[in-house]
Amino acid sequence: MGRWEPNARGRLEQAALELYVERGYDETTVAEIAKRAGLTERTFFRHYADKREVLFGGAGVLHDLFVDAVAAAPADAAPIDAIAAALDAAAGMFQDRREFARRRQGVITANPELQERELIKLASLSAAIAGALRLRGVAEPGASLAGEAGIAVFKVAFDRWINQPDQSDQAEQRDMAQFVRESLAELKVVTAGV
C-alpha cells in the first residue's frame, strides 16, 4: 500500500457498506473494512472514530446544506419556505445515490445501535435548522417546531424515495426532490386544516 491513496473516505464508506450487507454490522471489523478498501486501520481511524461513524460521514455536509439554505432564503420568506429551500438543497445531495442510500438504510434498520445514531443525527439536524431560523428572527417555539417539521418532511420523503418501486426506464424513476415537494405540500395541507 502506498502512503497516499485517493478518495480514502469514499473507499472506506463503500467497503464498510458492502461488508455490512454481506456479513452484518456486528460481524464486521474495522480491520476488514480497511483491508477491503485497500487501506490501513490507521487510515480508517484518521477519517472515522469507529465503524459506526463510517455510515454517517455525510452528516456534516447535510447539516451545512440545511443551515446555509435557510440562511440564504429571501429575508421575507416564511419559515416553512426557508425550510423548503433547505430541503431542496439537501435532496440534491442524494442525486444518483439511491441504491447506496437504500442499502445504507437497510443496514441501519437492522441494527438498534445504528438506529439510535440515526435518530441523534436527525435531532441534530432539527436543532441546526431551528438555530438557523432563530438567526432569521423566528421566535420560539416556532423555530423548534419548524425545525422538527422540516426533518419530518425529510424523513418521510427519504423513506418514500428509497422504497419506490424500481422502474425499467430510469427516466421514470422519481428523484428525492419530487418526494420532498410532495411531502411538504402534504404537511401544508394537514396543518391548514383543509
N, C-alpha and C. Protein backbone atom coordinates (compact mmCIF):
# COMPACT_ATOMS: atom_id res chain seq x y z
N MET A 1 0.83 -1.18 0.00
CA MET A 1 0.00 0.00 0.00
C MET A 1 0.87 1.24 0.00
N GLY A 2 0.49 2.21 -0.80
CA GLY A 2 1.21 3.47 -0.83
C GLY A 2 0.87 4.33 0.36
N ARG A 3 1.65 5.38 0.53
CA ARG A 3 1.39 6.28 1.65
C ARG A 3 0.11 7.06 1.48
N TRP A 4 -0.20 7.42 0.23
CA TRP A 4 -1.39 8.23 0.00
C TRP A 4 -2.29 7.52 -0.99
N GLU A 5 -3.52 7.38 -0.65
CA GLU A 5 -4.50 6.75 -1.54
C GLU A 5 -5.62 7.75 -1.80
N PRO A 6 -5.97 7.97 -3.06
CA PRO A 6 -7.05 8.91 -3.36
C PRO A 6 -8.40 8.39 -2.88
N ASN A 7 -9.28 9.32 -2.52
CA ASN A 7 -10.65 9.04 -2.11
C ASN A 7 -10.75 7.99 -1.00
N ALA A 8 -9.92 8.11 0.00
CA ALA A 8 -9.93 7.13 1.09
C ALA A 8 -11.30 7.07 1.77
N ARG A 9 -11.90 8.23 2.05
CA ARG A 9 -13.21 8.23 2.72
C ARG A 9 -14.26 7.49 1.91
N GLY A 10 -14.31 7.78 0.63
CA GLY A 10 -15.29 7.12 -0.23
C GLY A 10 -15.07 5.62 -0.31
N ARG A 11 -13.81 5.22 -0.39
CA ARG A 11 -13.49 3.80 -0.45
C ARG A 11 -13.83 3.09 0.86
N LEU A 12 -13.56 3.74 1.97
CA LEU A 12 -13.91 3.16 3.27
C LEU A 12 -15.43 3.05 3.41
N GLU A 13 -16.13 4.08 2.99
CA GLU A 13 -17.59 4.09 3.06
C GLU A 13 -18.17 2.94 2.24
N GLN A 14 -17.67 2.78 1.03
CA GLN A 14 -18.16 1.73 0.14
C GLN A 14 -17.81 0.34 0.69
N ALA A 15 -16.58 0.17 1.15
CA ALA A 15 -16.16 -1.12 1.69
C ALA A 15 -16.98 -1.50 2.92
N ALA A 16 -17.21 -0.54 3.81
CA ALA A 16 -17.99 -0.81 5.01
C ALA A 16 -19.41 -1.23 4.65
N LEU A 17 -20.03 -0.51 3.75
CA LEU A 17 -21.40 -0.85 3.38
C LEU A 17 -21.47 -2.24 2.76
N GLU A 18 -20.55 -2.55 1.88
CA GLU A 18 -20.51 -3.88 1.27
C GLU A 18 -20.41 -4.96 2.34
N LEU A 19 -19.49 -4.78 3.28
CA LEU A 19 -19.30 -5.78 4.34
C LEU A 19 -20.50 -5.85 5.27
N TYR A 20 -21.08 -4.72 5.61
CA TYR A 20 -22.25 -4.73 6.49
C TYR A 20 -23.41 -5.47 5.83
N VAL A 21 -23.57 -5.30 4.53
CA VAL A 21 -24.64 -6.00 3.81
C VAL A 21 -24.32 -7.49 3.72
N GLU A 22 -23.08 -7.83 3.41
CA GLU A 22 -22.68 -9.23 3.25
C GLU A 22 -22.67 -10.00 4.56
N ARG A 23 -22.07 -9.41 5.59
CA ARG A 23 -21.79 -10.15 6.82
C ARG A 23 -22.58 -9.68 8.03
N GLY A 24 -23.11 -8.48 7.95
CA GLY A 24 -23.78 -7.88 9.10
C GLY A 24 -22.88 -6.88 9.79
N TYR A 25 -23.48 -5.88 10.37
CA TYR A 25 -22.74 -4.82 11.05
C TYR A 25 -21.91 -5.37 12.21
N ASP A 26 -22.53 -6.16 13.07
CA ASP A 26 -21.84 -6.65 14.26
C ASP A 26 -20.68 -7.58 13.94
N GLU A 27 -20.76 -8.29 12.83
CA GLU A 27 -19.74 -9.26 12.47
C GLU A 27 -18.57 -8.65 11.69
N THR A 28 -18.66 -7.38 11.35
CA THR A 28 -17.63 -6.72 10.54
C THR A 28 -16.70 -5.93 11.44
N THR A 29 -15.39 -6.03 11.17
CA THR A 29 -14.40 -5.30 11.96
C THR A 29 -13.81 -4.14 11.15
N VAL A 30 -13.23 -3.21 11.84
CA VAL A 30 -12.53 -2.10 11.19
C VAL A 30 -11.40 -2.63 10.32
N ALA A 31 -10.70 -3.64 10.80
CA ALA A 31 -9.59 -4.22 10.02
C ALA A 31 -10.10 -4.75 8.68
N GLU A 32 -11.25 -5.38 8.70
CA GLU A 32 -11.82 -5.93 7.46
C GLU A 32 -12.25 -4.81 6.50
N ILE A 33 -12.80 -3.75 7.06
CA ILE A 33 -13.21 -2.61 6.23
C ILE A 33 -11.98 -2.00 5.57
N ALA A 34 -10.96 -1.75 6.36
CA ALA A 34 -9.74 -1.15 5.82
C ALA A 34 -9.12 -2.04 4.75
N LYS A 35 -9.06 -3.34 5.01
CA LYS A 35 -8.48 -4.26 4.05
C LYS A 35 -9.28 -4.25 2.75
N ARG A 36 -10.61 -4.30 2.84
CA ARG A 36 -11.46 -4.29 1.64
C ARG A 36 -11.23 -3.01 0.84
N ALA A 37 -11.01 -1.90 1.53
CA ALA A 37 -10.79 -0.61 0.86
C ALA A 37 -9.36 -0.47 0.34
N GLY A 38 -8.49 -1.41 0.71
CA GLY A 38 -7.09 -1.32 0.29
C GLY A 38 -6.32 -0.29 1.10
N LEU A 39 -6.72 -0.09 2.34
CA LEU A 39 -6.11 0.91 3.22
C LEU A 39 -5.73 0.26 4.54
N THR A 40 -5.13 1.04 5.41
CA THR A 40 -4.75 0.54 6.73
C THR A 40 -5.79 0.94 7.77
N GLU A 41 -5.75 0.24 8.91
CA GLU A 41 -6.63 0.61 10.02
C GLU A 41 -6.32 2.04 10.47
N ARG A 42 -5.07 2.40 10.45
CA ARG A 42 -4.67 3.76 10.84
C ARG A 42 -5.38 4.79 9.95
N THR A 43 -5.43 4.51 8.64
CA THR A 43 -6.13 5.42 7.72
C THR A 43 -7.61 5.48 8.06
N PHE A 44 -8.20 4.32 8.39
CA PHE A 44 -9.61 4.31 8.79
C PHE A 44 -9.82 5.27 9.94
N PHE A 45 -9.01 5.14 10.98
CA PHE A 45 -9.21 5.96 12.18
C PHE A 45 -8.81 7.42 11.97
N ARG A 46 -8.11 7.72 10.92
CA ARG A 46 -7.85 9.11 10.56
C ARG A 46 -9.13 9.78 10.07
N HIS A 47 -10.02 8.99 9.51
CA HIS A 47 -11.25 9.52 8.93
C HIS A 47 -12.49 9.31 9.80
N TYR A 48 -12.52 8.23 10.57
CA TYR A 48 -13.72 7.89 11.33
C TYR A 48 -13.34 7.45 12.74
N ALA A 49 -14.16 7.81 13.70
CA ALA A 49 -13.90 7.44 15.10
C ALA A 49 -14.12 5.96 15.35
N ASP A 50 -15.09 5.36 14.66
CA ASP A 50 -15.40 3.95 14.83
C ASP A 50 -16.16 3.43 13.62
N LYS A 51 -16.46 2.15 13.61
CA LYS A 51 -17.09 1.55 12.44
C LYS A 51 -18.53 2.03 12.24
N ARG A 52 -19.14 2.55 13.25
CA ARG A 52 -20.49 3.09 13.14
C ARG A 52 -20.48 4.40 12.35
N GLU A 53 -19.49 5.24 12.61
CA GLU A 53 -19.45 6.57 12.01
C GLU A 53 -19.23 6.57 10.50
N VAL A 54 -18.72 5.45 9.97
CA VAL A 54 -18.48 5.39 8.53
C VAL A 54 -19.80 5.50 7.76
N LEU A 55 -20.91 5.13 8.38
CA LEU A 55 -22.22 5.26 7.75
C LEU A 55 -22.80 6.67 7.87
N PHE A 56 -22.19 7.51 8.69
CA PHE A 56 -22.75 8.83 8.96
C PHE A 56 -21.79 9.95 8.57
N GLY A 57 -20.85 9.65 7.69
CA GLY A 57 -19.85 10.62 7.28
C GLY A 57 -20.41 11.84 6.57
N GLY A 58 -21.56 11.70 5.94
CA GLY A 58 -22.16 12.82 5.22
C GLY A 58 -23.00 13.74 6.09
N ALA A 59 -23.10 13.45 7.38
CA ALA A 59 -23.96 14.24 8.26
C ALA A 59 -23.53 15.70 8.33
N GLY A 60 -22.24 15.96 8.34
CA GLY A 60 -21.74 17.34 8.40
C GLY A 60 -22.10 18.12 7.15
N VAL A 61 -21.98 17.48 6.01
CA VAL A 61 -22.34 18.13 4.74
C VAL A 61 -23.83 18.44 4.72
N LEU A 62 -24.64 17.48 5.16
CA LEU A 62 -26.09 17.68 5.20
C LEU A 62 -26.45 18.81 6.15
N HIS A 63 -25.81 18.85 7.30
CA HIS A 63 -26.01 19.93 8.27
C HIS A 63 -25.74 21.28 7.62
N ASP A 64 -24.58 21.39 6.96
CA ASP A 64 -24.21 22.67 6.33
C ASP A 64 -25.18 23.05 5.22
N LEU A 65 -25.64 22.08 4.45
CA LEU A 65 -26.62 22.37 3.39
C LEU A 65 -27.89 22.95 3.97
N PHE A 66 -28.40 22.33 5.02
CA PHE A 66 -29.63 22.82 5.65
C PHE A 66 -29.44 24.24 6.19
N VAL A 67 -28.41 24.44 6.96
CA VAL A 67 -28.18 25.74 7.61
C VAL A 67 -27.94 26.83 6.56
N ASP A 68 -27.09 26.55 5.59
CA ASP A 68 -26.78 27.54 4.57
C ASP A 68 -27.99 27.91 3.73
N ALA A 69 -28.81 26.92 3.40
CA ALA A 69 -30.00 27.20 2.58
C ALA A 69 -31.04 28.01 3.36
N VAL A 70 -31.21 27.71 4.63
CA VAL A 70 -32.13 28.51 5.45
C VAL A 70 -31.62 29.94 5.53
N ALA A 71 -30.33 30.10 5.76
CA ALA A 71 -29.75 31.44 5.86
C ALA A 71 -29.85 32.21 4.55
N ALA A 72 -29.75 31.51 3.43
CA ALA A 72 -29.76 32.17 2.12
C ALA A 72 -31.16 32.46 1.58
N ALA A 73 -32.17 31.96 2.23
CA ALA A 73 -33.55 32.21 1.77
C ALA A 73 -33.83 33.71 1.84
N PRO A 74 -34.70 34.21 0.96
CA PRO A 74 -35.03 35.64 1.00
C PRO A 74 -35.47 36.08 2.39
N ALA A 75 -35.12 37.29 2.75
CA ALA A 75 -35.42 37.80 4.09
C ALA A 75 -36.90 37.77 4.42
N ASP A 76 -37.74 37.94 3.41
CA ASP A 76 -39.19 37.95 3.66
C ASP A 76 -39.83 36.57 3.53
N ALA A 77 -39.03 35.53 3.35
CA ALA A 77 -39.57 34.18 3.21
C ALA A 77 -40.13 33.70 4.55
N ALA A 78 -41.29 33.05 4.48
CA ALA A 78 -41.87 32.43 5.67
C ALA A 78 -40.95 31.29 6.13
N PRO A 79 -40.95 30.96 7.41
CA PRO A 79 -40.09 29.89 7.89
C PRO A 79 -40.24 28.58 7.10
N ILE A 80 -41.45 28.21 6.75
CA ILE A 80 -41.66 26.97 6.01
C ILE A 80 -41.05 27.06 4.61
N ASP A 81 -41.03 28.25 4.04
CA ASP A 81 -40.42 28.42 2.71
C ASP A 81 -38.89 28.38 2.79
N ALA A 82 -38.34 28.88 3.88
CA ALA A 82 -36.89 28.76 4.09
C ALA A 82 -36.52 27.29 4.26
N ILE A 83 -37.35 26.56 4.97
CA ILE A 83 -37.12 25.13 5.15
C ILE A 83 -37.26 24.40 3.81
N ALA A 84 -38.24 24.80 3.01
CA ALA A 84 -38.41 24.18 1.69
C ALA A 84 -37.14 24.34 0.85
N ALA A 85 -36.52 25.51 0.92
CA ALA A 85 -35.28 25.74 0.19
C ALA A 85 -34.18 24.82 0.71
N ALA A 86 -34.14 24.63 2.03
CA ALA A 86 -33.14 23.74 2.63
C ALA A 86 -33.37 22.29 2.21
N LEU A 87 -34.63 21.88 2.19
CA LEU A 87 -34.94 20.51 1.79
C LEU A 87 -34.59 20.26 0.33
N ASP A 88 -34.83 21.25 -0.51
CA ASP A 88 -34.45 21.12 -1.93
C ASP A 88 -32.94 20.98 -2.06
N ALA A 89 -32.20 21.78 -1.32
CA ALA A 89 -30.74 21.70 -1.37
C ALA A 89 -30.26 20.33 -0.90
N ALA A 90 -30.85 19.84 0.17
CA ALA A 90 -30.45 18.53 0.70
C ALA A 90 -30.79 17.41 -0.27
N ALA A 91 -31.92 17.50 -0.93
CA ALA A 91 -32.32 16.46 -1.88
C ALA A 91 -31.29 16.31 -2.99
N GLY A 92 -30.68 17.41 -3.38
CA GLY A 92 -29.66 17.36 -4.42
C GLY A 92 -28.46 16.53 -4.02
N MET A 93 -28.17 16.46 -2.73
CA MET A 93 -27.04 15.68 -2.23
C MET A 93 -27.23 14.18 -2.52
N PHE A 94 -28.47 13.77 -2.67
CA PHE A 94 -28.76 12.35 -2.85
C PHE A 94 -28.91 11.93 -4.32
N GLN A 95 -28.79 12.90 -5.21
CA GLN A 95 -28.92 12.61 -6.63
C GLN A 95 -27.97 11.47 -7.02
N ASP A 96 -28.47 10.48 -7.72
CA ASP A 96 -27.68 9.34 -8.20
C ASP A 96 -27.11 8.48 -7.08
N ARG A 97 -27.67 8.55 -5.89
CA ARG A 97 -27.16 7.74 -4.77
C ARG A 97 -28.27 6.89 -4.16
N ARG A 98 -29.33 6.65 -4.91
CA ARG A 98 -30.48 5.94 -4.35
C ARG A 98 -30.13 4.52 -3.89
N GLU A 99 -29.45 3.77 -4.72
CA GLU A 99 -29.13 2.38 -4.35
C GLU A 99 -28.22 2.36 -3.11
N PHE A 100 -27.25 3.24 -3.07
CA PHE A 100 -26.39 3.33 -1.89
C PHE A 100 -27.23 3.68 -0.67
N ALA A 101 -28.11 4.68 -0.79
CA ALA A 101 -28.95 5.11 0.33
C ALA A 101 -29.87 3.98 0.79
N ARG A 102 -30.39 3.24 -0.15
CA ARG A 102 -31.29 2.12 0.17
C ARG A 102 -30.53 1.05 0.97
N ARG A 103 -29.36 0.70 0.50
CA ARG A 103 -28.57 -0.32 1.18
C ARG A 103 -28.14 0.16 2.56
N ARG A 104 -27.72 1.42 2.64
CA ARG A 104 -27.30 2.00 3.92
C ARG A 104 -28.46 1.97 4.91
N GLN A 105 -29.65 2.37 4.46
CA GLN A 105 -30.81 2.40 5.35
C GLN A 105 -31.17 0.99 5.81
N GLY A 106 -31.01 0.00 4.94
CA GLY A 106 -31.26 -1.39 5.34
C GLY A 106 -30.35 -1.83 6.47
N VAL A 107 -29.08 -1.45 6.40
CA VAL A 107 -28.13 -1.78 7.46
C VAL A 107 -28.54 -1.08 8.76
N ILE A 108 -28.90 0.18 8.66
CA ILE A 108 -29.30 0.94 9.85
C ILE A 108 -30.56 0.35 10.48
N THR A 109 -31.54 0.03 9.67
CA THR A 109 -32.80 -0.53 10.16
C THR A 109 -32.58 -1.85 10.88
N ALA A 110 -31.59 -2.61 10.47
CA ALA A 110 -31.34 -3.93 11.06
C ALA A 110 -30.56 -3.88 12.36
N ASN A 111 -30.12 -2.70 12.79
CA ASN A 111 -29.25 -2.63 13.96
C ASN A 111 -29.70 -1.51 14.90
N PRO A 112 -30.12 -1.85 16.12
CA PRO A 112 -30.59 -0.83 17.07
C PRO A 112 -29.56 0.25 17.38
N GLU A 113 -28.28 -0.11 17.47
CA GLU A 113 -27.23 0.87 17.75
C GLU A 113 -27.16 1.92 16.63
N LEU A 114 -27.30 1.47 15.40
CA LEU A 114 -27.27 2.38 14.26
C LEU A 114 -28.55 3.20 14.17
N GLN A 115 -29.68 2.60 14.55
CA GLN A 115 -30.94 3.35 14.58
C GLN A 115 -30.83 4.51 15.57
N GLU A 116 -30.22 4.23 16.72
CA GLU A 116 -30.03 5.28 17.72
C GLU A 116 -29.15 6.40 17.15
N ARG A 117 -28.07 6.04 16.48
CA ARG A 117 -27.18 7.04 15.89
C ARG A 117 -27.90 7.87 14.83
N GLU A 118 -28.76 7.22 14.05
CA GLU A 118 -29.54 7.93 13.03
C GLU A 118 -30.49 8.94 13.68
N LEU A 119 -31.12 8.54 14.77
CA LEU A 119 -32.02 9.46 15.48
C LEU A 119 -31.26 10.66 16.05
N ILE A 120 -30.07 10.42 16.55
CA ILE A 120 -29.23 11.52 17.07
C ILE A 120 -28.89 12.47 15.94
N LYS A 121 -28.53 11.92 14.77
CA LYS A 121 -28.20 12.76 13.61
C LYS A 121 -29.41 13.61 13.22
N LEU A 122 -30.59 13.01 13.16
CA LEU A 122 -31.78 13.75 12.77
C LEU A 122 -32.14 14.82 13.79
N ALA A 123 -31.98 14.52 15.08
CA ALA A 123 -32.24 15.52 16.11
C ALA A 123 -31.26 16.69 15.99
N SER A 124 -30.01 16.38 15.67
CA SER A 124 -29.02 17.43 15.48
C SER A 124 -29.37 18.31 14.28
N LEU A 125 -29.84 17.70 13.21
CA LEU A 125 -30.26 18.47 12.03
C LEU A 125 -31.45 19.36 12.36
N SER A 126 -32.40 18.84 13.11
CA SER A 126 -33.55 19.64 13.52
C SER A 126 -33.12 20.84 14.35
N ALA A 127 -32.21 20.62 15.29
CA ALA A 127 -31.71 21.72 16.12
C ALA A 127 -30.96 22.74 15.27
N ALA A 128 -30.22 22.28 14.27
CA ALA A 128 -29.48 23.20 13.40
C ALA A 128 -30.43 24.06 12.59
N ILE A 129 -31.50 23.46 12.08
CA ILE A 129 -32.50 24.22 11.32
C ILE A 129 -33.17 25.25 12.24
N ALA A 130 -33.53 24.82 13.44
CA ALA A 130 -34.15 25.74 14.39
C ALA A 130 -33.21 26.90 14.71
N GLY A 131 -31.94 26.60 14.89
CA GLY A 131 -30.96 27.65 15.15
C GLY A 131 -30.85 28.64 13.99
N ALA A 132 -30.85 28.11 12.77
CA ALA A 132 -30.79 28.98 11.59
C ALA A 132 -32.04 29.84 11.48
N LEU A 133 -33.18 29.29 11.86
CA LEU A 133 -34.42 30.07 11.84
C LEU A 133 -34.41 31.16 12.92
N ARG A 134 -33.86 30.83 14.09
CA ARG A 134 -33.77 31.85 15.15
C ARG A 134 -32.90 33.01 14.69
N LEU A 135 -31.83 32.71 13.96
CA LEU A 135 -30.97 33.77 13.43
C LEU A 135 -31.73 34.65 12.43
N ARG A 136 -32.77 34.11 11.83
CA ARG A 136 -33.61 34.86 10.90
C ARG A 136 -34.71 35.63 11.64
N GLY A 137 -34.76 35.49 12.97
CA GLY A 137 -35.75 36.21 13.75
C GLY A 137 -36.99 35.41 14.10
N VAL A 138 -37.00 34.14 13.84
CA VAL A 138 -38.16 33.30 14.19
C VAL A 138 -38.06 32.98 15.68
N ALA A 139 -39.10 33.32 16.40
CA ALA A 139 -39.12 33.12 17.85
C ALA A 139 -39.45 31.67 18.20
N GLU A 140 -39.16 31.32 19.44
CA GLU A 140 -39.54 30.01 19.97
C GLU A 140 -40.97 30.08 20.48
N PRO A 141 -41.74 29.03 20.42
CA PRO A 141 -41.34 27.69 19.99
C PRO A 141 -41.42 27.47 18.48
N GLY A 142 -41.76 28.53 17.73
CA GLY A 142 -41.93 28.38 16.29
C GLY A 142 -40.70 27.83 15.58
N ALA A 143 -39.51 28.31 15.96
CA ALA A 143 -38.29 27.84 15.29
C ALA A 143 -38.08 26.35 15.52
N SER A 144 -38.27 25.88 16.74
CA SER A 144 -38.11 24.45 17.03
C SER A 144 -39.17 23.60 16.36
N LEU A 145 -40.42 24.10 16.38
CA LEU A 145 -41.49 23.36 15.70
C LEU A 145 -41.22 23.26 14.20
N ALA A 146 -40.77 24.35 13.60
CA ALA A 146 -40.48 24.34 12.17
C ALA A 146 -39.30 23.42 11.85
N GLY A 147 -38.28 23.43 12.72
CA GLY A 147 -37.14 22.53 12.51
C GLY A 147 -37.56 21.07 12.57
N GLU A 148 -38.38 20.73 13.55
CA GLU A 148 -38.88 19.36 13.66
C GLU A 148 -39.74 18.99 12.45
N ALA A 149 -40.59 19.93 12.02
CA ALA A 149 -41.44 19.67 10.86
C ALA A 149 -40.59 19.45 9.60
N GLY A 150 -39.54 20.24 9.46
CA GLY A 150 -38.66 20.08 8.31
C GLY A 150 -38.01 18.71 8.28
N ILE A 151 -37.55 18.24 9.42
CA ILE A 151 -36.93 16.92 9.49
C ILE A 151 -37.97 15.83 9.28
N ALA A 152 -39.19 16.02 9.76
CA ALA A 152 -40.25 15.04 9.50
C ALA A 152 -40.52 14.92 8.00
N VAL A 153 -40.57 16.05 7.32
CA VAL A 153 -40.75 16.04 5.87
C VAL A 153 -39.58 15.31 5.21
N PHE A 154 -38.38 15.62 5.64
CA PHE A 154 -37.19 14.98 5.09
C PHE A 154 -37.26 13.46 5.28
N LYS A 155 -37.60 13.00 6.48
CA LYS A 155 -37.66 11.56 6.76
C LYS A 155 -38.71 10.86 5.90
N VAL A 156 -39.89 11.45 5.80
CA VAL A 156 -40.95 10.84 5.00
C VAL A 156 -40.56 10.79 3.53
N ALA A 157 -40.02 11.89 3.03
CA ALA A 157 -39.62 11.94 1.62
C ALA A 157 -38.50 10.94 1.35
N PHE A 158 -37.52 10.87 2.23
CA PHE A 158 -36.41 9.93 2.07
C PHE A 158 -36.92 8.49 2.03
N ASP A 159 -37.80 8.15 2.96
CA ASP A 159 -38.35 6.80 3.01
C ASP A 159 -39.12 6.46 1.74
N ARG A 160 -39.93 7.38 1.28
CA ARG A 160 -40.69 7.15 0.04
C ARG A 160 -39.75 7.02 -1.15
N TRP A 161 -38.70 7.82 -1.18
CA TRP A 161 -37.74 7.80 -2.29
C TRP A 161 -36.99 6.48 -2.37
N ILE A 162 -36.46 6.00 -1.25
CA ILE A 162 -35.68 4.76 -1.31
C ILE A 162 -36.56 3.54 -1.50
N ASN A 163 -37.82 3.62 -1.13
CA ASN A 163 -38.71 2.46 -1.23
C ASN A 163 -39.62 2.48 -2.45
N GLN A 164 -39.46 3.46 -3.32
CA GLN A 164 -40.27 3.45 -4.54
C GLN A 164 -39.89 2.24 -5.39
N PRO A 165 -40.85 1.68 -6.10
CA PRO A 165 -40.53 0.54 -6.97
C PRO A 165 -39.53 0.96 -8.05
N ASP A 166 -38.62 0.05 -8.37
CA ASP A 166 -37.67 0.31 -9.45
C ASP A 166 -38.42 0.38 -10.76
N GLN A 167 -38.02 1.30 -11.61
CA GLN A 167 -38.62 1.46 -12.93
C GLN A 167 -37.65 0.92 -13.97
N SER A 168 -38.18 0.26 -14.98
CA SER A 168 -37.30 -0.25 -16.04
C SER A 168 -36.68 0.91 -16.81
N ASP A 169 -37.39 2.01 -16.89
CA ASP A 169 -36.89 3.20 -17.57
C ASP A 169 -36.44 4.19 -16.50
N GLN A 170 -35.13 4.43 -16.39
CA GLN A 170 -34.59 5.34 -15.37
C GLN A 170 -35.20 6.73 -15.47
N ALA A 171 -35.64 7.13 -16.65
CA ALA A 171 -36.25 8.46 -16.80
C ALA A 171 -37.54 8.55 -16.00
N GLU A 172 -38.18 7.40 -15.76
CA GLU A 172 -39.43 7.40 -14.99
C GLU A 172 -39.18 7.34 -13.48
N GLN A 173 -37.96 7.05 -13.08
CA GLN A 173 -37.62 6.98 -11.67
C GLN A 173 -37.69 8.38 -11.08
N ARG A 174 -38.42 8.54 -9.99
CA ARG A 174 -38.60 9.85 -9.38
C ARG A 174 -37.43 10.16 -8.47
N ASP A 175 -36.97 11.42 -8.50
CA ASP A 175 -35.86 11.79 -7.64
C ASP A 175 -36.38 12.25 -6.28
N MET A 176 -35.46 12.37 -5.33
CA MET A 176 -35.85 12.70 -3.97
C MET A 176 -36.52 14.06 -3.88
N ALA A 177 -36.10 15.01 -4.71
CA ALA A 177 -36.68 16.36 -4.67
C ALA A 177 -38.19 16.32 -4.92
N GLN A 178 -38.63 15.42 -5.79
CA GLN A 178 -40.07 15.30 -6.05
C GLN A 178 -40.80 14.84 -4.80
N PHE A 179 -40.22 13.87 -4.11
CA PHE A 179 -40.84 13.38 -2.88
C PHE A 179 -40.82 14.45 -1.78
N VAL A 180 -39.76 15.24 -1.73
CA VAL A 180 -39.68 16.33 -0.76
C VAL A 180 -40.81 17.33 -1.02
N ARG A 181 -40.98 17.74 -2.25
CA ARG A 181 -42.03 18.72 -2.58
C ARG A 181 -43.42 18.17 -2.26
N GLU A 182 -43.66 16.90 -2.60
CA GLU A 182 -44.96 16.29 -2.30
C GLU A 182 -45.22 16.20 -0.80
N SER A 183 -44.21 15.79 -0.05
CA SER A 183 -44.36 15.65 1.41
C SER A 183 -44.56 17.01 2.06
N LEU A 184 -43.86 18.02 1.58
CA LEU A 184 -44.03 19.36 2.11
C LEU A 184 -45.43 19.90 1.79
N ALA A 185 -45.91 19.64 0.60
CA ALA A 185 -47.26 20.06 0.22
C ALA A 185 -48.29 19.36 1.10
N GLU A 186 -48.08 18.10 1.39
CA GLU A 186 -49.00 17.36 2.26
C GLU A 186 -48.98 17.93 3.67
N LEU A 187 -47.80 18.30 4.17
CA LEU A 187 -47.72 18.92 5.50
C LEU A 187 -48.51 20.23 5.52
N LYS A 188 -48.36 21.02 4.47
CA LYS A 188 -49.10 22.29 4.41
C LYS A 188 -50.60 22.05 4.39
N VAL A 189 -51.04 21.00 3.72
CA VAL A 189 -52.47 20.68 3.68
C VAL A 189 -52.97 20.29 5.07
N VAL A 190 -52.25 19.40 5.75
CA VAL A 190 -52.74 18.95 7.05
C VAL A 190 -52.64 20.03 8.11
N THR A 191 -51.68 20.93 8.01
CA THR A 191 -51.58 21.99 9.01
C THR A 191 -52.56 23.13 8.74
N ALA A 192 -53.01 23.23 7.50
CA ALA A 192 -54.00 24.27 7.16
C ALA A 192 -55.41 23.81 7.51
N GLY A 193 -55.56 22.53 7.82
CA GLY A 193 -56.87 22.01 8.18
C GLY A 193 -57.78 21.81 7.00
N VAL A 194 -57.20 21.72 5.81
CA VAL A 194 -58.02 21.54 4.59
C VAL A 194 -58.37 20.09 4.44
